[in-house]
Amino acid sequence: MPFDFGNPRDFHPAEVTHEPFTLEHFIAWAKTRDPAEVYDQKSISDCLICRYGKEHGVRPDECGGYFMQTKTRFPANDYGGVMGTAYGEYLDDIQTVGAALSRARELREGR
């Protein structure tokens, strides 16, 4: 089985909490990454949001993706900002962490 995560009845989604899922924490985390690190924003298992979720205890869904599991943990006031900073204005497949960090900082300053 390509995505064998055990018995689905044993899967219990993590309790939804807003820490560390905030724009501020996302910025702090992105600052620890290599700015030249690239990611494919169209990947449901390895986009920047997915990487953030993996490092903060998010478990994959039944398809092996982390995106949906991670994005629902951000509070509404930070959700749009974090998604916008991770994906940018254009839907280019490849983005860099440095560019996402710049967008996140601009958003924070504009609040």
Protein backbone atom coordinates (compact mmCIF):
# COMPACT_ATOMS: atom_id res chain seq x y z
CA MET A 1 0.00 0.00 0.00
CA PRO A 2 1.65 3.30 -1.05
CA PHE A 3 0.39 5.34 1.92
CA ASP A 4 0.26 2.94 4.81
CA PHE A 5 -0.26 5.01 7.94
CA GLY A 6 -1.76 2.22 10.00
CA ASN A 7 -5.35 1.68 10.95
CA PRO A 8 -7.42 4.83 10.18
CA ARG A 9 -9.38 4.25 13.40
CA ASP A 10 -6.14 4.83 15.32
CA PHE A 11 -5.64 8.25 13.74
CA HIS A 12 -6.57 11.12 16.02
CA PRO A 13 -5.95 14.60 14.59
CA ALA A 14 -3.86 16.82 16.80
CA GLU A 15 -5.84 19.14 19.00
CA VAL A 16 -6.15 22.48 17.24
CA THR A 17 -4.08 25.10 18.99
CA HIS A 18 -2.97 28.45 17.72
CA GLU A 19 0.54 28.35 19.10
CA PRO A 20 2.92 28.08 17.32
CA PHE A 21 0.63 28.59 14.34
CA THR A 22 0.83 32.37 14.08
CA LEU A 23 2.40 34.76 11.60
CA GLU A 24 4.99 35.80 14.20
CA HIS A 25 6.06 32.24 14.87
CA PHE A 26 6.09 31.47 11.13
CA ILE A 27 8.48 34.42 10.63
CA ALA A 28 10.72 33.27 13.48
CA TRP A 29 10.82 29.77 12.01
CA ALA A 30 11.53 31.01 8.46
CA LYS A 31 14.47 33.07 9.79
CA THR A 32 16.14 29.82 10.87
CA ARG A 33 16.01 28.40 7.34
CA ASP A 34 18.45 28.94 4.48
CA PRO A 35 17.03 31.87 2.46
CA ALA A 36 18.06 30.11 -0.76
CA GLU A 37 16.12 26.96 0.17
CA VAL A 38 13.59 26.26 -2.56
CA TYR A 39 10.19 24.65 -2.28
CA ASP A 40 7.43 23.68 -4.68
CA GLN A 41 4.36 25.60 -3.62
CA LYS A 42 2.04 23.21 -5.46
CA SER A 43 3.15 20.18 -3.42
CA ILE A 44 0.70 18.98 -0.76
CA SER A 45 3.48 17.19 1.07
CA ASP A 46 6.55 19.40 0.72
CA CYS A 47 5.48 23.02 0.22
CA LEU A 48 6.65 25.60 2.77
CA ILE A 49 3.45 25.29 4.82
CA CYS A 50 3.89 21.50 4.81
CA ARG A 51 7.49 21.78 6.01
CA TYR A 52 6.39 24.13 8.78
CA GLY A 53 3.66 21.72 9.83
CA LYS A 54 5.97 18.70 9.81
CA GLU A 55 8.42 20.48 12.09
CA HIS A 56 5.60 21.43 14.46
CA GLY A 57 4.05 18.01 14.97
CA VAL A 58 1.43 17.88 12.22
CA ARG A 59 0.70 14.37 11.02
CA PRO A 60 0.05 13.60 7.33
CA ASP A 61 -3.42 12.96 6.02
CA GLU A 62 -4.44 9.72 4.30
CA CYS A 63 -2.82 10.89 1.05
CA GLY A 64 0.50 11.70 2.69
CA GLY A 65 -0.14 15.43 2.52
CA TYR A 66 0.50 17.98 5.23
CA PHE A 67 -1.04 21.10 3.68
CA MET A 68 -4.67 20.73 4.78
CA GLN A 69 -3.65 19.44 8.20
CA THR A 70 -1.39 22.45 8.76
CA LYS A 71 -3.40 25.32 7.31
CA THR A 72 -6.39 24.64 9.55
CA ARG A 73 -4.28 25.26 12.64
CA PHE A 74 -3.70 28.94 11.91
CA PRO A 75 -6.20 31.38 13.44
CA ALA A 76 -8.31 33.28 10.92
CA ASN A 77 -6.42 36.56 11.37
CA ASP A 78 -3.10 34.90 10.47
CA TYR A 79 -4.30 32.30 7.96
CA GLY A 80 -4.47 34.57 4.91
CA GLY A 81 -1.18 36.25 5.71
CA VAL A 82 0.75 33.04 6.15
CA MET A 83 -0.72 31.51 3.01
CA GLY A 84 0.02 34.68 1.04
CA THR A 85 3.61 34.86 2.24
CA ALA A 86 4.24 31.21 1.46
CA TYR A 87 2.76 31.38 -2.02
CA GLY A 88 3.40 34.91 -3.18
CA GLU A 89 1.56 36.98 -5.70
CA TYR A 90 2.16 34.64 -8.58
CA LEU A 91 1.67 30.92 -8.81
CA ASP A 92 5.22 30.08 -9.77
CA ASP A 93 5.95 26.48 -8.89
CA ILE A 94 9.28 27.17 -7.25
CA GLN A 95 9.70 29.73 -4.47
CA THR A 96 12.48 30.45 -1.98
CA VAL A 97 12.25 30.69 1.79
CA GLY A 98 13.99 34.07 1.64
CA ALA A 99 11.28 35.49 -0.63
CA ALA A 100 8.55 34.10 1.65
CA LEU A 101 10.26 35.62 4.68
CA SER A 102 10.43 39.02 2.95
CA ARG A 103 6.72 38.85 2.14
CA ALA A 104 5.90 37.86 5.74
CA ARG A 105 7.90 40.75 7.16
CA GLU A 106 6.21 43.21 4.79
CA LEU A 107 2.83 41.89 5.87
CA ARG A 108 3.71 42.23 9.55
CA GLU A 109 4.91 45.81 9.06
CA GLY A 110 1.68 46.67 7.23
CA ARG A 111 -0.56 45.53 10.09
